[in-house]
Amino acid sequence: MLSFIPYSHQMSNCFTFAHVYMFEHRNDTLTIFKGEKIWVS
């Protein structure tokens, strides 16, 4: 999750939103992380 911080900072606000979402929904952390990874591609 820590490595996700620098990525969001460099990428669009979408990552920031996802990052916050991960904190709000810890259970969906993996889902959000995987989804955001796809967006990067």
PDB file of N, CA and C in Angstrom:
ATOM      1  N   MET A   1       0.835  -1.200   0.000  1.00  0.00           N
ATOM      2  CA  MET A   1       0.000   0.000   0.000  1.00  0.00           C
ATOM      3  C   MET A   1       0.871   1.252   0.000  1.00  0.00           C
ATOM      4  N   LEU A   2       1.995   1.187   0.690  1.00  0.00           N
ATOM      5  CA  LEU A   2       2.893   2.342   0.742  1.00  0.00           C
ATOM      6  C   LEU A   2       3.411   2.675  -0.642  1.00  0.00           C
ATOM      7  N   SER A   3       3.698   1.648  -1.426  1.00  0.00           N
ATOM      8  CA  SER A   3       4.218   1.876  -2.773  1.00  0.00           C
ATOM      9  C   SER A   3       3.153   2.518  -3.656  1.00  0.00           C
ATOM     10  N   PHE A   4       1.896   2.425  -3.216  1.00  0.00           N
ATOM     11  CA  PHE A   4       0.806   2.983  -4.021  1.00  0.00           C
ATOM     12  C   PHE A   4       0.776   4.501  -3.904  1.00  0.00           C
ATOM     13  N   ILE A   5       1.317   5.032  -2.805  1.00  0.00           N
ATOM     14  CA  ILE A   5       1.309   6.474  -2.569  1.00  0.00           C
ATOM     15  C   ILE A   5       2.087   7.221  -3.662  1.00  0.00           C
ATOM     16  N   PRO A   6       3.343   6.851  -3.929  1.00  0.00           N
ATOM     17  CA  PRO A   6       4.128   7.541  -4.954  1.00  0.00           C
ATOM     18  C   PRO A   6       3.470   7.426  -6.334  1.00  0.00           C
ATOM     19  N   TYR A   7       2.887   6.283  -6.608  1.00  0.00           N
ATOM     20  CA  TYR A   7       2.244   6.079  -7.905  1.00  0.00           C
ATOM     21  C   TYR A   7       1.094   7.059  -8.089  1.00  0.00           C
ATOM     22  N   SER A   8       0.263   7.172  -7.037  1.00  0.00           N
ATOM     23  CA  SER A   8      -0.893   8.074  -7.109  1.00  0.00           C
ATOM     24  C   SER A   8      -0.429   9.510  -7.277  1.00  0.00           C
ATOM     25  N   HIS A   9       0.665   9.845  -6.613  1.00  0.00           N
ATOM     26  CA  HIS A   9       1.172  11.222  -6.685  1.00  0.00           C
ATOM     27  C   HIS A   9       1.618  11.549  -8.108  1.00  0.00           C
ATOM     28  N   GLN A  10       2.184  10.568  -8.773  1.00  0.00           N
ATOM     29  CA  GLN A  10       2.688  10.804 -10.131  1.00  0.00           C
ATOM     30  C   GLN A  10       1.551  10.697 -11.161  1.00  0.00           C
ATOM     31  N   MET A  11       0.571   9.834 -10.870  1.00  0.00           N
ATOM     32  CA  MET A  11      -0.532   9.628 -11.806  1.00  0.00           C
ATOM     33  C   MET A  11      -1.663  10.624 -11.570  1.00  0.00           C
ATOM     34  N   SER A  12      -2.795  10.376 -12.219  1.00  0.00           N
ATOM     35  CA  SER A  12      -3.941  11.290 -12.106  1.00  0.00           C
ATOM     36  C   SER A  12      -4.591  11.201 -10.735  1.00  0.00           C
ATOM     37  N   ASN A  13      -5.621  12.012 -10.532  1.00  0.00           N
ATOM     38  CA  ASN A  13      -6.328  12.012  -9.256  1.00  0.00           C
ATOM     39  C   ASN A  13      -7.065  10.697  -9.028  1.00  0.00           C
ATOM     40  N   CYS A  14      -7.276   9.955 -10.082  1.00  0.00           N
ATOM     41  CA  CYS A  14      -7.982   8.678  -9.966  1.00  0.00           C
ATOM     42  C   CYS A  14      -7.295   7.800  -8.923  1.00  0.00           C
ATOM     43  N   PHE A  15      -5.963   7.831  -8.927  1.00  0.00           N
ATOM     44  CA  PHE A  15      -5.206   7.027  -7.987  1.00  0.00           C
ATOM     45  C   PHE A  15      -5.441   7.513  -6.561  1.00  0.00           C
ATOM     46  N   THR A  16      -5.482   8.832  -6.412  1.00  0.00           N
ATOM     47  CA  THR A  16      -5.705   9.407  -5.090  1.00  0.00           C
ATOM     48  C   THR A  16      -7.039   8.926  -4.541  1.00  0.00           C
ATOM     49  N   PHE A  17      -8.049   8.943  -5.395  1.00  0.00           N
ATOM     50  CA  PHE A  17      -9.381   8.504  -4.997  1.00  0.00           C
ATOM     51  C   PHE A  17      -9.346   7.038  -4.578  1.00  0.00           C
ATOM     52  N   ALA A  18      -8.641   6.239  -5.360  1.00  0.00           N
ATOM     53  CA  ALA A  18      -8.537   4.808  -5.080  1.00  0.00           C
ATOM     54  C   ALA A  18      -7.801   4.590  -3.759  1.00  0.00           C
ATOM     55  N   HIS A  19      -6.781   5.384  -3.540  1.00  0.00           N
ATOM     56  CA  HIS A  19      -5.987   5.256  -2.320  1.00  0.00           C
ATOM     57  C   HIS A  19      -6.864   5.497  -1.101  1.00  0.00           C
ATOM     58  N   VAL A  20      -7.658   6.552  -1.176  1.00  0.00           N
ATOM     59  CA  VAL A  20      -8.565   6.875  -0.066  1.00  0.00           C
ATOM     60  C   VAL A  20      -9.593   5.762   0.098  1.00  0.00           C
ATOM     61  N   TYR A  21     -10.054   5.256  -1.025  1.00  0.00           N
ATOM     62  CA  TYR A  21     -11.064   4.199  -0.992  1.00  0.00           C
ATOM     63  C   TYR A  21     -10.512   2.974  -0.286  1.00  0.00           C
ATOM     64  N   MET A  22      -9.222   2.685  -0.521  1.00  0.00           N
ATOM     65  CA  MET A  22      -8.589   1.530   0.108  1.00  0.00           C
ATOM     66  C   MET A  22      -8.619   1.684   1.622  1.00  0.00           C
ATOM     67  N   PHE A  23      -8.327   2.888   2.088  1.00  0.00           N
ATOM     68  CA  PHE A  23      -8.332   3.140   3.526  1.00  0.00           C
ATOM     69  C   PHE A  23      -9.746   2.990   4.095  1.00  0.00           C
ATOM     70  N   GLU A  24     -10.733   3.428   3.313  1.00  0.00           N
ATOM     71  CA  GLU A  24     -12.125   3.351   3.775  1.00  0.00           C
ATOM     72  C   GLU A  24     -12.611   1.902   3.750  1.00  0.00           C
ATOM     73  N   HIS A  25     -12.270   1.186   2.688  1.00  0.00           N
ATOM     74  CA  HIS A  25     -12.689  -0.209   2.565  1.00  0.00           C
ATOM     75  C   HIS A  25     -11.463  -1.117   2.521  1.00  0.00           C
ATOM     76  N   ARG A  26     -10.993  -1.490   3.683  1.00  0.00           N
ATOM     77  CA  ARG A  26      -9.783  -2.318   3.726  1.00  0.00           C
ATOM     78  C   ARG A  26     -10.043  -3.680   3.086  1.00  0.00           C
ATOM     79  N   ASN A  27     -11.257  -4.162   3.166  1.00  0.00           N
ATOM     80  CA  ASN A  27     -11.584  -5.463   2.586  1.00  0.00           C
ATOM     81  C   ASN A  27     -11.456  -5.445   1.062  1.00  0.00           C
ATOM     82  N   ASP A  28     -11.779  -4.291   0.478  1.00  0.00           N
ATOM     83  CA  ASP A  28     -11.716  -4.184  -0.983  1.00  0.00           C
ATOM     84  C   ASP A  28     -10.367  -3.657  -1.458  1.00  0.00           C
ATOM     85  N   THR A  29      -9.387  -3.644  -0.559  1.00  0.00           N
ATOM     86  CA  THR A  29      -8.066  -3.123  -0.916  1.00  0.00           C
ATOM     87  C   THR A  29      -7.508  -3.853  -2.133  1.00  0.00           C
ATOM     88  N   LEU A  30      -7.533  -5.176  -2.107  1.00  0.00           N
ATOM     89  CA  LEU A  30      -6.996  -5.961  -3.213  1.00  0.00           C
ATOM     90  C   LEU A  30      -7.739  -5.668  -4.503  1.00  0.00           C
ATOM     91  N   THR A  31      -9.050  -5.563  -4.402  1.00  0.00           N
ATOM     92  CA  THR A  31      -9.859  -5.298  -5.594  1.00  0.00           C
ATOM     93  C   THR A  31      -9.498  -3.950  -6.201  1.00  0.00           C
ATOM     94  N   ILE A  32      -9.437  -2.925  -5.370  1.00  0.00           N
ATOM     95  CA  ILE A  32      -9.116  -1.582  -5.855  1.00  0.00           C
ATOM     96  C   ILE A  32      -7.708  -1.562  -6.428  1.00  0.00           C
ATOM     97  N   PHE A  33      -6.772  -2.190  -5.718  1.00  0.00           N
ATOM     98  CA  PHE A  33      -5.383  -2.199  -6.166  1.00  0.00           C
ATOM     99  C   PHE A  33      -5.271  -2.834  -7.553  1.00  0.00           C
ATOM    100  N   LYS A  34      -5.921  -3.984  -7.707  1.00  0.00           N
ATOM    101  CA  LYS A  34      -5.892  -4.667  -9.012  1.00  0.00           C
ATOM    102  C   LYS A  34      -6.533  -3.792 -10.077  1.00  0.00           C
ATOM    103  N   GLY A  35      -7.661  -3.185  -9.755  1.00  0.00           N
ATOM    104  CA  GLY A  35      -8.356  -2.355 -10.727  1.00  0.00           C
ATOM    105  C   GLY A  35      -7.501  -1.177 -11.159  1.00  0.00           C
ATOM    106  N   GLU A  36      -6.851  -0.526 -10.183  1.00  0.00           N
ATOM    107  CA  GLU A  36      -6.017   0.629 -10.507  1.00  0.00           C
ATOM    108  C   GLU A  36      -4.833   0.205 -11.358  1.00  0.00           C
ATOM    109  N   LYS A  37      -4.285  -0.974 -11.079  1.00  0.00           N
ATOM    110  CA  LYS A  37      -3.147  -1.453 -11.867  1.00  0.00           C
ATOM    111  C   LYS A  37      -3.532  -1.541 -13.338  1.00  0.00           C
ATOM    112  N   ILE A  38      -4.744  -1.967 -13.591  1.00  0.00           N
ATOM    113  CA  ILE A  38      -5.207  -2.082 -14.979  1.00  0.00           C
ATOM    114  C   ILE A  38      -5.265  -0.701 -15.627  1.00  0.00           C
ATOM    115  N   TRP A  39      -5.720   0.287 -14.825  1.00  0.00           N
ATOM    116  CA  TRP A  39      -5.829   1.652 -15.347  1.00  0.00           C
ATOM    117  C   TRP A  39      -4.454   2.174 -15.759  1.00  0.00           C
ATOM    118  N   VAL A  40      -3.422   1.770 -15.014  1.00  0.00           N
ATOM    119  CA  VAL A  40      -2.068   2.229 -15.322  1.00  0.00           C
ATOM    120  C   VAL A  40      -1.699   1.789 -16.738  1.00  0.00           C
ATOM    121  N   SER A  41      -2.037   0.543 -17.065  1.00  0.00           N
ATOM    122  CA  SER A  41      -1.716   0.018 -18.384  1.00  0.00           C
ATOM    123  C   SER A  41      -2.514   0.797 -19.424  1.00  0.00           C
TER     124      SER A  41
END
